[in-house]
Protein backbone atom coordinates (compact mmCIF):
# COMPACT_ATOMS: atom_id res chain seq x y z
CA MET A 1 -84.75 40.57 -11.35
CA THR A 2 -86.36 40.59 -14.72
CA ASP A 3 -89.81 41.58 -15.59
CA GLY A 4 -90.81 38.09 -16.32
CA HIS A 5 -90.40 35.42 -19.07
CA GLN A 6 -92.37 32.77 -20.87
CA LEU A 7 -91.88 29.24 -19.43
CA ASP A 8 -89.91 27.22 -21.88
CA PRO A 9 -91.41 23.77 -22.37
CA GLU A 10 -88.00 22.43 -23.47
CA SER A 11 -86.61 23.28 -20.03
CA LEU A 12 -89.13 21.39 -17.97
CA GLY A 13 -87.07 18.15 -18.28
CA ASN A 14 -84.48 19.84 -16.04
CA HIS A 15 -86.82 19.84 -13.15
CA VAL A 16 -88.35 16.28 -13.35
CA ASP A 17 -86.14 14.64 -10.64
CA ARG A 18 -86.91 17.53 -8.12
CA LEU A 19 -90.64 17.57 -8.92
CA TYR A 20 -90.78 13.78 -8.60
CA ARG A 21 -89.11 13.72 -5.15
CA ALA A 22 -91.61 16.43 -4.05
CA ALA A 23 -94.50 14.52 -5.52
CA TRP A 24 -93.39 11.40 -3.75
CA SER A 25 -93.24 13.21 -0.47
CA LEU A 26 -96.68 14.54 -0.98
CA CYS A 27 -98.25 11.26 -2.09
CA GLY A 28 -96.17 8.78 -0.19
CA SER A 29 -96.34 6.52 -3.16
CA ARG A 30 -93.91 6.26 -6.11
CA GLU A 31 -96.70 5.35 -8.58
CA GLU A 32 -98.84 8.22 -7.53
CA ALA A 33 -95.93 10.58 -7.70
CA GLU A 34 -95.18 9.67 -11.26
CA ASP A 35 -98.77 10.27 -12.10
CA LEU A 36 -98.84 13.57 -10.26
CA VAL A 37 -95.67 14.85 -12.08
CA GLN A 38 -97.25 13.83 -15.40
CA GLU A 39 -100.57 15.64 -14.63
CA THR A 40 -98.46 18.68 -13.55
CA PHE A 41 -96.61 18.81 -16.83
CA ALA A 42 -99.92 18.22 -18.70
CA ARG A 43 -101.44 21.23 -16.90
CA VAL A 44 -98.31 23.44 -17.54
CA LEU A 45 -98.05 22.40 -21.06
CA SER A 46 -101.59 22.95 -21.96
CA LYS A 47 -101.35 26.61 -22.46
CA PRO A 48 -98.25 29.06 -22.74
CA ARG A 49 -97.30 30.28 -19.19
CA PHE A 50 -95.70 33.77 -18.47
CA LEU A 51 -93.83 33.84 -15.15
CA ARG A 52 -93.24 37.15 -13.37
CA ASN A 53 -89.76 35.99 -12.29
CA ASP A 54 -87.02 33.62 -13.08
CA ASP A 55 -88.16 30.83 -10.58
CA ASP A 56 -89.31 28.14 -12.75
CA ILE A 57 -89.01 25.39 -10.10
CA GLY A 58 -90.94 27.56 -7.72
CA TYR A 59 -93.77 27.92 -10.17
CA LEU A 60 -93.68 24.25 -10.98
CA LEU A 61 -93.77 23.36 -7.21
CA SER A 62 -96.86 25.44 -6.94
CA VAL A 63 -98.62 23.78 -9.72
CA LEU A 64 -97.56 20.31 -8.43
CA ARG A 65 -99.09 21.16 -5.01
CA ASN A 66 -102.18 22.68 -6.48
CA THR A 67 -102.71 19.50 -8.66
CA PHE A 68 -102.05 17.28 -5.68
CA ILE A 69 -104.71 19.19 -3.63
CA SER A 70 -107.26 19.13 -6.60
CA GLY A 71 -106.63 15.39 -6.96
CA ARG A 72 -107.21 14.51 -3.23
CA ARG A 73 -110.30 16.65 -3.15
CA ALA A 74 -111.70 14.86 -6.28
CA ALA A 75 -110.70 11.44 -4.81
CA ALA A 76 -112.56 12.40 -1.47
CA ARG A 77 -115.78 12.59 -3.53
CA ARG A 78 -115.44 9.14 -4.98
CA PRO A 79 -116.36 5.73 -3.31
CA VAL A 80 -113.55 4.01 -1.54
CA GLY A 81 -112.62 0.50 -2.85
CA ALA A 82 -111.31 -2.22 -0.71
CA PRO A 83 -107.36 -2.30 -0.21
CA LEU A 84 -105.31 -5.30 -1.54
CA PRO A 85 -104.27 -7.91 0.94
CA ASP A 86 -101.07 -7.22 2.77
CA ASP A 87 -99.21 -10.11 0.85
CA MET A 88 -99.91 -8.28 -2.60
CA SER A 89 -98.87 -4.84 -1.54
CA THR A 90 -95.16 -5.17 -1.34
CA PHE A 91 -92.81 -5.37 -4.37
CA GLU A 92 -89.15 -5.62 -4.59
CA ASP A 93 -87.35 -2.51 -5.93
CA PRO A 94 -84.38 -3.75 -8.11
CA ALA A 95 -82.95 -0.26 -8.09
CA ALA A 96 -82.56 -0.14 -4.32
CA ALA A 97 -79.12 -0.83 -2.87
CA SER A 98 -80.67 -3.29 -0.48
CA PRO A 99 -84.22 -4.17 0.56
CA GLU A 100 -83.68 -2.41 3.94
CA ALA A 101 -82.80 0.79 1.94
CA HIS A 102 -85.98 0.41 0.05
CA ILE A 103 -88.10 0.05 3.14
CA GLU A 104 -86.32 3.13 4.79
CA VAL A 105 -87.11 5.31 1.71
CA THR A 106 -90.67 4.14 1.54
CA GLU A 107 -91.17 4.71 5.24
CA LEU A 108 -89.62 8.13 4.91
CA TYR A 109 -91.86 9.30 2.22
CA ALA A 110 -94.87 7.88 4.03
CA ALA A 111 -94.02 9.87 7.06
CA ILE A 112 -93.50 13.12 5.13
CA SER A 113 -96.92 12.52 3.43
CA ALA A 114 -98.48 12.13 6.75
CA LEU A 115 -97.08 15.41 8.29
CA PRO A 116 -99.66 18.27 8.69
CA GLU A 117 -99.88 20.24 5.42
CA GLN A 118 -97.90 23.41 6.47
CA PHE A 119 -95.11 21.33 7.78
CA ARG A 120 -95.14 18.96 4.82
CA ASP A 121 -95.06 21.70 2.27
CA ALA A 122 -92.16 23.38 3.91
CA LEU A 123 -90.21 20.20 4.30
CA ILE A 124 -90.78 19.25 0.72
CA ALA A 125 -89.67 22.60 -0.82
CA VAL A 126 -86.48 22.79 1.23
CA ASP A 127 -85.22 19.27 1.86
CA VAL A 128 -86.76 17.38 -0.94
CA VAL A 129 -86.79 19.88 -3.80
CA GLY A 130 -83.79 21.59 -2.62
CA LEU A 131 -85.06 25.19 -2.73
CA SER A 132 -83.33 27.76 -0.50
CA TYR A 133 -85.29 29.11 2.45
CA ARG A 134 -85.95 32.30 0.56
CA GLU A 135 -87.17 30.59 -2.64
CA ALA A 136 -89.28 28.19 -0.60
CA ALA A 137 -90.90 31.12 1.32
CA GLY A 138 -91.74 32.88 -1.90
CA ALA A 139 -93.15 29.64 -3.51
CA LEU A 140 -95.29 29.04 -0.33
CA LYS A 141 -96.23 32.63 0.08
CA VAL A 142 -94.95 32.74 3.73
CA ARG A 143 -92.32 34.75 5.64
CA GLU A 144 -88.73 33.27 5.60
CA ALA A 145 -88.90 33.04 9.47
CA THR A 146 -92.16 31.20 9.32
CA LEU A 147 -90.80 28.67 6.90
CA THR A 148 -87.71 28.18 8.89
CA THR A 149 -89.90 27.19 11.90
CA ARG A 150 -92.02 25.00 9.96
CA VAL A 151 -89.06 23.16 8.47
CA TYR A 152 -87.57 22.62 11.89
CA ARG A 153 -90.86 21.29 13.41
CA ALA A 154 -91.37 19.05 10.37
CA ARG A 155 -87.83 17.54 10.93
CA GLN A 156 -88.47 17.08 14.55
CA ARG A 157 -91.74 15.20 13.82
CA LEU A 158 -90.15 13.02 11.20
CA ALA A 159 -87.32 12.16 13.58
CA ASP A 160 -89.70 11.27 16.30
CA GLU A 161 -91.87 9.23 13.83
CA LEU A 162 -88.96 7.27 12.36
CA LYS A 163 -87.46 6.34 15.92
CA MET A 164 -90.16 3.81 16.34
């Protein structure tokens, strides 16, 4: 392990897909996920970052999560508008293999975003972003055994939710 390094802005593009999946899992919405990833990159690029270890994705995941939480807190202080009518809230995803697949992915991300925070964060780090249990435990600042339990419980809750 090295003493650290400066985060290379040129390498951020290597992590877009993983961060996008994590953001979608946090938000439950593709559009919000795109905005969250952009806001995360804007924060990271606003000033040079020096990392203590070589875990760029772990750092970026932490910034993503903190940006998400900050955004939710700010949104909670704003007045709530009326939702769109049901017939206007569904759009066909031309990239989906079939309409059923799109619905399943949407339901999965919505179910992940509805999990309690500690389970949601553990599941996103391991199953969505693809971090090892050790990397995820470090990024979330918990013991590896704690993370393992949270991932297991999150998977169980998802399985129960998606059986409906």
